[in-house]
Amino acid sequence: MRPTLVPSIRSTASVSSLEEVESAFLALAGAPWPLTLPSSLLTESAAGSLPVTVVRSRLVHPSCTAEARAQVWREVLGRRQAQGEPWGTVAVGFCLPGLRRVLARLSRPAEVEACELEQEVLTAVCAELAVLPVEEPQAGLQLVRAADRAAHRLVYAAQRARRSVVVPLNEESVPQHRAAGGAAEVFAVLEKAVDAGVLGTEEAELIAQTRLERQVMAKAAAAVGMSVRAAFRRRSAAEQRLAAALVAREL
């Protein structure tokens, strides 16, 4: 029996979410049970079958026709609807080249971490996949567009938050404080902020663990009982309050 492979949207390791999905997708085409699709979906005269990794390569090649793409996606979406996994993983895996192009074109603000952006686009793809009709002729394009919209929403939200404070704390601010006075001084500032009510204990822990101790957010979020997405947003809001308090000399 083939093991069930589901895209890991919430990463629990230092590897990127896109790489986790890519690994799951590549495993589907490996021995001893390579997952395949009929070759005739791409070329009517062809016989036999092709591993899903080869099918993906054919889909992104300029020679692939719109009709062939539609046939492949119709088959994958139909199997996902009827059988479930691993065809959901195949669908997301087929989108990965497009998702990488989306992220490569996007100008990412310092306060939005790469792994958060990857998680956001994968979540959007899975949400769109859940409601996408099997007969949608441009399924792949629709999924990538949903990811693109989600990525831009996250970036725009970060940019709006940056404009809403007097002096936002960016990705480099904590290391600069550390260089000037050492990590001990930064920890002391965080303790003062907690005592003054500027930060909560959990917020100070998130900042200390991810900025000073360089832990991945998934691990730090688990330590304080938050989801990864909630932890990113909680930390961003906390850092903005901390920056404002430092500027106002309240600490």
C-alpha atoms as a PDB file:
ATOM      1  CA  MET A   1       0.000   0.000   0.000  1.00  0.00           C
ATOM      2  CA  ARG A   2       1.283   3.464  -0.875  1.00  0.00           C
ATOM      3  CA  PRO A   3       1.870   5.719   2.150  1.00  0.00           C
ATOM      4  CA  THR A   4      -0.294   8.811   2.393  1.00  0.00           C
ATOM      5  CA  LEU A   5       1.624  11.969   1.676  1.00  0.00           C
ATOM      6  CA  VAL A   6      -0.004  15.275   2.517  1.00  0.00           C
ATOM      7  CA  PRO A   7       1.577  18.699   1.851  1.00  0.00           C
ATOM      8  CA  SER A   8       3.058  19.994   5.090  1.00  0.00           C
ATOM      9  CA  ILE A   9       1.691  23.519   5.265  1.00  0.00           C
ATOM     10  CA  ARG A  10       2.867  24.180   8.801  1.00  0.00           C
ATOM     11  CA  SER A  11       6.578  23.499   8.846  1.00  0.00           C
ATOM     12  CA  THR A  12       8.063  22.018  11.997  1.00  0.00           C
ATOM     13  CA  ALA A  13      11.656  22.059  10.789  1.00  0.00           C
ATOM     14  CA  SER A  14      14.161  24.520   9.403  1.00  0.00           C
ATOM     15  CA  VAL A  15      13.557  23.344   5.816  1.00  0.00           C
ATOM     16  CA  SER A  16      11.227  25.579   3.814  1.00  0.00           C
ATOM     17  CA  SER A  17       7.583  24.618   3.349  1.00  0.00           C
ATOM     18  CA  LEU A  18       8.009  24.548  -0.436  1.00  0.00           C
ATOM     19  CA  GLU A  19      10.920  22.138  -0.098  1.00  0.00           C
ATOM     20  CA  GLU A  20       8.851  19.887   2.174  1.00  0.00           C
ATOM     21  CA  VAL A  21       6.109  19.691  -0.450  1.00  0.00           C
ATOM     22  CA  GLU A  22       8.708  19.141  -3.180  1.00  0.00           C
ATOM     23  CA  SER A  23      10.210  16.245  -1.227  1.00  0.00           C
ATOM     24  CA  ALA A  24       6.769  14.681  -0.771  1.00  0.00           C
ATOM     25  CA  PHE A  25       6.022  15.120  -4.466  1.00  0.00           C
ATOM     26  CA  LEU A  26       9.331  13.598  -5.596  1.00  0.00           C
ATOM     27  CA  ALA A  27       8.784  10.654  -3.251  1.00  0.00           C
ATOM     28  CA  LEU A  28       5.578   9.833  -5.119  1.00  0.00           C
ATOM     29  CA  ALA A  29       7.560   9.079  -8.268  1.00  0.00           C
ATOM     30  CA  GLY A  30      10.143   6.960  -6.455  1.00  0.00           C
ATOM     31  CA  ALA A  31      10.457   3.209  -6.098  1.00  0.00           C
ATOM     32  CA  PRO A  32       8.874   0.841  -5.342  1.00  0.00           C
ATOM     33  CA  TRP A  33       5.504   2.417  -6.269  1.00  0.00           C
ATOM     34  CA  PRO A  34       6.028   5.270  -8.742  1.00  0.00           C
ATOM     35  CA  LEU A  35       2.826   7.244  -9.156  1.00  0.00           C
ATOM     36  CA  THR A  36       1.989   7.708 -12.833  1.00  0.00           C
ATOM     37  CA  LEU A  37      -0.484   9.264 -15.240  1.00  0.00           C
ATOM     38  CA  PRO A  38      -1.418   8.053 -18.735  1.00  0.00           C
ATOM     39  CA  SER A  39       0.924   9.348 -21.448  1.00  0.00           C
ATOM     40  CA  SER A  40      -2.106   9.870 -23.678  1.00  0.00           C
ATOM     41  CA  LEU A  41      -3.136  12.873 -21.588  1.00  0.00           C
ATOM     42  CA  LEU A  42      -0.182  14.745 -23.082  1.00  0.00           C
ATOM     43  CA  THR A  43       0.020  13.055 -26.474  1.00  0.00           C
ATOM     44  CA  GLU A  44      -2.972  11.173 -27.822  1.00  0.00           C
ATOM     45  CA  SER A  45      -0.840   8.763 -29.822  1.00  0.00           C
ATOM     46  CA  ALA A  46       1.368   7.860 -26.854  1.00  0.00           C
ATOM     47  CA  ALA A  47       0.917   4.593 -24.983  1.00  0.00           C
ATOM     48  CA  GLY A  48       1.864   3.665 -21.426  1.00  0.00           C
ATOM     49  CA  SER A  49       2.276   5.993 -18.483  1.00  0.00           C
ATOM     50  CA  LEU A  50       4.654   8.612 -17.107  1.00  0.00           C
ATOM     51  CA  PRO A  51       5.777   9.356 -13.518  1.00  0.00           C
ATOM     52  CA  VAL A  52       4.132  12.456 -12.098  1.00  0.00           C
ATOM     53  CA  THR A  53       7.514  14.222 -11.989  1.00  0.00           C
ATOM     54  CA  VAL A  54       7.912  13.771 -15.750  1.00  0.00           C
ATOM     55  CA  VAL A  55       4.347  14.953 -16.310  1.00  0.00           C
ATOM     56  CA  ARG A  56       5.124  18.140 -14.371  1.00  0.00           C
ATOM     57  CA  SER A  57       8.189  18.767 -16.520  1.00  0.00           C
ATOM     58  CA  ARG A  58       6.078  18.378 -19.647  1.00  0.00           C
ATOM     59  CA  LEU A  59       3.394  20.733 -18.294  1.00  0.00           C
ATOM     60  CA  VAL A  60       5.829  23.632 -17.825  1.00  0.00           C
ATOM     61  CA  HIS A  61       7.527  23.115 -21.191  1.00  0.00           C
ATOM     62  CA  PRO A  62       6.564  25.713 -23.844  1.00  0.00           C
ATOM     63  CA  SER A  63       5.596  22.933 -26.260  1.00  0.00           C
ATOM     64  CA  CYS A  64       2.783  21.724 -24.013  1.00  0.00           C
ATOM     65  CA  THR A  65      -0.584  22.786 -25.414  1.00  0.00           C
ATOM     66  CA  ALA A  66      -3.405  24.339 -23.419  1.00  0.00           C
ATOM     67  CA  GLU A  67      -5.560  21.321 -24.266  1.00  0.00           C
ATOM     68  CA  ALA A  68      -2.966  18.890 -22.862  1.00  0.00           C
ATOM     69  CA  ARG A  69      -2.620  20.917 -19.675  1.00  0.00           C
ATOM     70  CA  ALA A  70      -6.397  20.959 -19.246  1.00  0.00           C
ATOM     71  CA  GLN A  71      -6.573  17.186 -19.713  1.00  0.00           C
ATOM     72  CA  VAL A  72      -3.844  16.524 -17.153  1.00  0.00           C
ATOM     73  CA  TRP A  73      -5.414  18.826 -14.585  1.00  0.00           C
ATOM     74  CA  ARG A  74      -8.863  17.358 -15.182  1.00  0.00           C
ATOM     75  CA  GLU A  75      -7.469  13.891 -14.522  1.00  0.00           C
ATOM     76  CA  VAL A  76      -5.592  14.946 -11.371  1.00  0.00           C
ATOM     77  CA  LEU A  77      -8.520  16.891  -9.934  1.00  0.00           C
ATOM     78  CA  GLY A  78     -10.875  14.037 -10.710  1.00  0.00           C
ATOM     79  CA  ARG A  79      -8.637  11.522  -8.951  1.00  0.00           C
ATOM     80  CA  ARG A  80      -8.218  13.875  -5.989  1.00  0.00           C
ATOM     81  CA  GLN A  81     -11.986  14.207  -5.680  1.00  0.00           C
ATOM     82  CA  ALA A  82     -12.567  10.458  -5.965  1.00  0.00           C
ATOM     83  CA  GLN A  83      -9.536   9.086  -4.124  1.00  0.00           C
ATOM     84  CA  GLY A  84      -8.092  11.868  -1.976  1.00  0.00           C
ATOM     85  CA  GLU A  85      -4.388  11.623  -1.243  1.00  0.00           C
ATOM     86  CA  PRO A  86      -1.849  11.429  -2.756  1.00  0.00           C
ATOM     87  CA  TRP A  87      -3.526  13.361  -5.590  1.00  0.00           C
ATOM     88  CA  GLY A  88      -3.786  16.519  -3.496  1.00  0.00           C
ATOM     89  CA  THR A  89      -0.020  16.388  -3.076  1.00  0.00           C
ATOM     90  CA  VAL A  90       0.343  15.905  -6.848  1.00  0.00           C
ATOM     91  CA  ALA A  91      -1.816  18.968  -7.531  1.00  0.00           C
ATOM     92  CA  VAL A  92       0.199  21.157  -5.173  1.00  0.00           C
ATOM     93  CA  GLY A  93       3.435  19.679  -6.528  1.00  0.00           C
ATOM     94  CA  PHE A  94       2.415  20.632 -10.069  1.00  0.00           C
ATOM     95  CA  CYS A  95       2.018  24.238  -8.843  1.00  0.00           C
ATOM     96  CA  LEU A  96       5.482  24.537  -7.288  1.00  0.00           C
ATOM     97  CA  PRO A  97       7.283  25.984 -10.351  1.00  0.00           C
ATOM     98  CA  GLY A  98       4.629  28.708 -10.554  1.00  0.00           C
ATOM     99  CA  LEU A  99       4.765  29.374  -6.804  1.00  0.00           C
ATOM    100  CA  ARG A 100       8.523  29.830  -6.962  1.00  0.00           C
ATOM    101  CA  ARG A 101       8.099  32.377  -9.761  1.00  0.00           C
ATOM    102  CA  VAL A 102       5.505  34.249  -7.685  1.00  0.00           C
ATOM    103  CA  LEU A 103       7.835  34.468  -4.689  1.00  0.00           C
ATOM    104  CA  ALA A 104      10.870  35.368  -6.819  1.00  0.00           C
ATOM    105  CA  ARG A 105       9.052  38.378  -8.313  1.00  0.00           C
ATOM    106  CA  LEU A 106       7.774  39.637  -4.954  1.00  0.00           C
ATOM    107  CA  SER A 107       9.655  42.264  -2.980  1.00  0.00           C
ATOM    108  CA  ARG A 108       9.533  40.874   0.573  1.00  0.00           C
ATOM    109  CA  PRO A 109       9.631  43.365   3.482  1.00  0.00           C
ATOM    110  CA  ALA A 110      12.093  42.575   6.254  1.00  0.00           C
ATOM    111  CA  GLU A 111       9.307  41.955   8.756  1.00  0.00           C
ATOM    112  CA  VAL A 112       7.809  39.168   6.612  1.00  0.00           C
ATOM    113  CA  GLU A 113       9.947  36.063   6.873  1.00  0.00           C
ATOM    114  CA  ALA A 114      10.406  33.805   3.867  1.00  0.00           C
ATOM    115  CA  CYS A 115       8.902  30.767   5.603  1.00  0.00           C
ATOM    116  CA  GLU A 116       5.801  32.768   6.585  1.00  0.00           C
ATOM    117  CA  LEU A 117       5.307  33.818   2.965  1.00  0.00           C
ATOM    118  CA  GLU A 118       5.716  30.235   1.747  1.00  0.00           C
ATOM    119  CA  GLN A 119       3.169  29.004   4.272  1.00  0.00           C
ATOM    120  CA  GLU A 120       0.736  31.706   3.189  1.00  0.00           C
ATOM    121  CA  VAL A 121       0.907  30.798  -0.513  1.00  0.00           C
ATOM    122  CA  LEU A 122       0.604  27.067   0.191  1.00  0.00           C
ATOM    123  CA  THR A 123      -2.419  27.677   2.410  1.00  0.00           C
ATOM    124  CA  ALA A 124      -3.997  29.710  -0.394  1.00  0.00           C
ATOM    125  CA  VAL A 125      -3.330  26.954  -2.943  1.00  0.00           C
ATOM    126  CA  CYS A 126      -4.921  24.300  -0.715  1.00  0.00           C
ATOM    127  CA  ALA A 127      -7.940  26.519  -0.035  1.00  0.00           C
ATOM    128  CA  GLU A 128      -8.438  27.176  -3.754  1.00  0.00           C
ATOM    129  CA  LEU A 129      -7.919  23.509  -4.560  1.00  0.00           C
ATOM    130  CA  ALA A 130     -10.749  22.571  -2.200  1.00  0.00           C
ATOM    131  CA  VAL A 131     -13.303  24.575  -4.229  1.00  0.00           C
ATOM    132  CA  LEU A 132     -11.859  24.278  -7.743  1.00  0.00           C
ATOM    133  CA  PRO A 133     -14.218  22.517 -10.195  1.00  0.00           C
ATOM    134  CA  VAL A 134     -12.813  19.358 -11.758  1.00  0.00           C
ATOM    135  CA  GLU A 135     -13.622  20.696 -15.226  1.00  0.00           C
ATOM    136  CA  GLU A 136     -11.779  24.007 -14.748  1.00  0.00           C
ATOM    137  CA  PRO A 137      -9.703  24.323 -17.964  1.00  0.00           C
ATOM    138  CA  GLN A 138      -7.092  26.600 -16.386  1.00  0.00           C
ATOM    139  CA  ALA A 139      -6.795  24.923 -13.007  1.00  0.00           C
ATOM    140  CA  GLY A 140      -3.033  25.358 -12.652  1.00  0.00           C
ATOM    141  CA  LEU A 141      -3.248  29.060 -13.476  1.00  0.00           C
ATOM    142  CA  GLN A 142      -6.125  29.542 -11.032  1.00  0.00           C
ATOM    143  CA  LEU A 143      -4.159  27.942  -8.210  1.00  0.00           C
ATOM    144  CA  VAL A 144      -1.056  30.034  -8.842  1.00  0.00           C
ATOM    145  CA  ARG A 145      -3.141  33.211  -9.071  1.00  0.00           C
ATOM    146  CA  ALA A 146      -4.703  32.425  -5.680  1.00  0.00           C
ATOM    147  CA  ALA A 147      -1.197  32.058  -4.247  1.00  0.00           C
ATOM    148  CA  ASP A 148      -0.104  35.334  -5.850  1.00  0.00           C
ATOM    149  CA  ARG A 149      -3.053  37.193  -4.321  1.00  0.00           C
ATOM    150  CA  ALA A 150      -2.322  35.749  -0.879  1.00  0.00           C
ATOM    151  CA  ALA A 151       1.348  36.680  -1.083  1.00  0.00           C
ATOM    152  CA  HIS A 152       0.545  40.251  -2.066  1.00  0.00           C
ATOM    153  CA  ARG A 153      -2.039  40.575   0.720  1.00  0.00           C
ATOM    154  CA  LEU A 154       0.552  39.541   3.288  1.00  0.00           C
ATOM    155  CA  VAL A 155       3.164  41.947   1.902  1.00  0.00           C
ATOM    156  CA  TYR A 156       0.697  44.854   1.690  1.00  0.00           C
ATOM    157  CA  ALA A 157      -0.446  44.208   5.270  1.00  0.00           C
ATOM    158  CA  ALA A 158       3.170  44.389   6.453  1.00  0.00           C
ATOM    159  CA  GLN A 159       3.733  47.603   4.514  1.00  0.00           C
ATOM    160  CA  ARG A 160       0.607  49.186   6.015  1.00  0.00           C
ATOM    161  CA  ALA A 161       1.714  48.151   9.506  1.00  0.00           C
ATOM    162  CA  ARG A 162       5.122  49.702   8.864  1.00  0.00           C
ATOM    163  CA  ARG A 163       3.535  53.033   7.928  1.00  0.00           C
ATOM    164  CA  SER A 164       1.246  53.005  10.976  1.00  0.00           C
ATOM    165  CA  VAL A 165       4.042  53.362  13.542  1.00  0.00           C
ATOM    166  CA  VAL A 166       6.538  56.151  14.072  1.00  0.00           C
ATOM    167  CA  VAL A 167       9.646  53.966  13.956  1.00  0.00           C
ATOM    168  CA  PRO A 168       8.982  50.351  12.997  1.00  0.00           C
ATOM    169  CA  LEU A 169      11.396  47.711  14.197  1.00  0.00           C
ATOM    170  CA  ASN A 170      12.884  45.970  11.170  1.00  0.00           C
ATOM    171  CA  GLU A 171      14.768  42.731  10.779  1.00  0.00           C
ATOM    172  CA  GLU A 172      18.115  44.350  11.633  1.00  0.00           C
ATOM    173  CA  SER A 173      17.128  46.320  14.729  1.00  0.00           C
ATOM    174  CA  VAL A 174      17.656  43.634  17.366  1.00  0.00           C
ATOM    175  CA  PRO A 175      21.079  42.565  16.035  1.00  0.00           C
ATOM    176  CA  GLN A 176      22.203  46.216  16.102  1.00  0.00           C
ATOM    177  CA  HIS A 177      21.242  46.522  19.774  1.00  0.00           C
ATOM    178  CA  ARG A 178      23.036  43.279  20.447  1.00  0.00           C
ATOM    179  CA  ALA A 179      26.177  44.517  18.744  1.00  0.00           C
ATOM    180  CA  ALA A 180      26.116  47.748  20.731  1.00  0.00           C
ATOM    181  CA  GLY A 181      25.558  46.340  24.176  1.00  0.00           C
ATOM    182  CA  GLY A 182      25.552  42.590  23.960  1.00  0.00           C
ATOM    183  CA  ALA A 183      22.756  40.053  24.165  1.00  0.00           C
ATOM    184  CA  ALA A 184      22.522  40.494  27.930  1.00  0.00           C
ATOM    185  CA  GLU A 185      21.530  44.123  27.469  1.00  0.00           C
ATOM    186  CA  VAL A 186      18.834  43.207  24.976  1.00  0.00           C
ATOM    187  CA  PHE A 187      17.439  40.578  27.346  1.00  0.00           C
ATOM    188  CA  ALA A 188      17.400  43.256  30.050  1.00  0.00           C
ATOM    189  CA  VAL A 189      15.417  45.585  27.770  1.00  0.00           C
ATOM    190  CA  LEU A 190      12.910  42.816  27.126  1.00  0.00           C
ATOM    191  CA  GLU A 191      12.543  42.190  30.862  1.00  0.00           C
ATOM    192  CA  LYS A 192      11.939  45.906  31.461  1.00  0.00           C
ATOM    193  CA  ALA A 193       9.345  45.917  28.687  1.00  0.00           C
ATOM    194  CA  VAL A 194       7.508  43.022  30.357  1.00  0.00           C
ATOM    195  CA  ASP A 195       7.655  44.743  33.764  1.00  0.00           C
ATOM    196  CA  ALA A 196       6.330  47.964  32.207  1.00  0.00           C
ATOM    197  CA  GLY A 197       3.478  46.159  30.479  1.00  0.00           C
ATOM    198  CA  VAL A 198       4.749  47.004  26.989  1.00  0.00           C
ATOM    199  CA  LEU A 199       5.242  43.313  26.183  1.00  0.00           C
ATOM    200  CA  GLY A 200       3.645  40.150  27.445  1.00  0.00           C
ATOM    201  CA  THR A 201       5.837  37.321  28.682  1.00  0.00           C
ATOM    202  CA  GLU A 202       5.067  35.180  25.638  1.00  0.00           C
ATOM    203  CA  GLU A 203       5.887  38.062  23.285  1.00  0.00           C
ATOM    204  CA  ALA A 204       9.237  38.658  24.961  1.00  0.00           C
ATOM    205  CA  GLU A 205       9.989  34.937  24.694  1.00  0.00           C
ATOM    206  CA  LEU A 206       9.200  34.938  20.980  1.00  0.00           C
ATOM    207  CA  ILE A 207      11.484  37.903  20.339  1.00  0.00           C
ATOM    208  CA  ALA A 208      14.311  36.484  22.439  1.00  0.00           C
ATOM    209  CA  GLN A 209      14.157  32.997  20.960  1.00  0.00           C
ATOM    210  CA  THR A 210      13.775  33.944  17.293  1.00  0.00           C
ATOM    211  CA  ARG A 211      15.826  37.166  17.125  1.00  0.00           C
ATOM    212  CA  LEU A 212      18.605  36.549  19.648  1.00  0.00           C
ATOM    213  CA  GLU A 213      18.823  32.774  19.906  1.00  0.00           C
ATOM    214  CA  ARG A 214      17.952  32.313  16.196  1.00  0.00           C
ATOM    215  CA  GLN A 215      15.461  29.514  16.728  1.00  0.00           C
ATOM    216  CA  VAL A 216      13.086  28.750  13.870  1.00  0.00           C
ATOM    217  CA  MET A 217       9.628  30.195  14.454  1.00  0.00           C
ATOM    218  CA  ALA A 218       7.934  26.784  14.399  1.00  0.00           C
ATOM    219  CA  LYS A 219       9.882  25.680  17.473  1.00  0.00           C
ATOM    220  CA  ALA A 220       9.425  28.983  19.325  1.00  0.00           C
ATOM    221  CA  ALA A 221       5.698  29.045  18.552  1.00  0.00           C
ATOM    222  CA  ALA A 222       5.255  25.521  19.876  1.00  0.00           C
ATOM    223  CA  ALA A 223       7.029  26.497  23.110  1.00  0.00           C
ATOM    224  CA  VAL A 224       4.434  29.202  23.823  1.00  0.00           C
ATOM    225  CA  GLY A 225       1.451  27.269  22.470  1.00  0.00           C
ATOM    226  CA  MET A 226       0.751  29.294  19.310  1.00  0.00           C
ATOM    227  CA  SER A 227       0.344  28.489  15.650  1.00  0.00           C
ATOM    228  CA  VAL A 228       3.216  29.597  13.428  1.00  0.00           C
ATOM    229  CA  ARG A 229       1.104  32.237  11.688  1.00  0.00           C
ATOM    230  CA  ALA A 230      -0.175  33.664  14.989  1.00  0.00           C
ATOM    231  CA  ALA A 231       3.366  33.756  16.372  1.00  0.00           C
ATOM    232  CA  PHE A 232       4.700  35.729  13.391  1.00  0.00           C
ATOM    233  CA  ARG A 233       1.954  38.310  13.723  1.00  0.00           C
ATOM    234  CA  ARG A 234       2.178  38.460  17.516  1.00  0.00           C
ATOM    235  CA  ARG A 235       5.920  39.071  17.309  1.00  0.00           C
ATOM    236  CA  SER A 236       5.529  41.783  14.669  1.00  0.00           C
ATOM    237  CA  ALA A 237       2.989  43.696  16.765  1.00  0.00           C
ATOM    238  CA  ALA A 238       5.135  43.303  19.878  1.00  0.00           C
ATOM    239  CA  GLU A 239       8.250  44.606  18.149  1.00  0.00           C
ATOM    240  CA  GLN A 240       6.377  47.667  16.929  1.00  0.00           C
ATOM    241  CA  ARG A 241       5.232  48.463  20.486  1.00  0.00           C
ATOM    242  CA  LEU A 242       8.751  47.905  21.774  1.00  0.00           C
ATOM    243  CA  ALA A 243      10.220  50.229  19.147  1.00  0.00           C
ATOM    244  CA  ALA A 244       7.687  52.939  19.979  1.00  0.00           C
ATOM    245  CA  ALA A 245       8.426  52.603  23.719  1.00  0.00           C
ATOM    246  CA  LEU A 246      12.186  52.890  23.101  1.00  0.00           C
ATOM    247  CA  VAL A 247      11.713  55.993  20.942  1.00  0.00           C
ATOM    248  CA  ALA A 248       9.504  57.557  23.626  1.00  0.00           C
ATOM    249  CA  ARG A 249      12.149  56.631  26.260  1.00  0.00           C
ATOM    250  CA  GLU A 250       9.575  54.734  28.286  1.00  0.00           C
ATOM    251  CA  LEU A 251      12.110  51.943  28.973  1.00  0.00           C
END
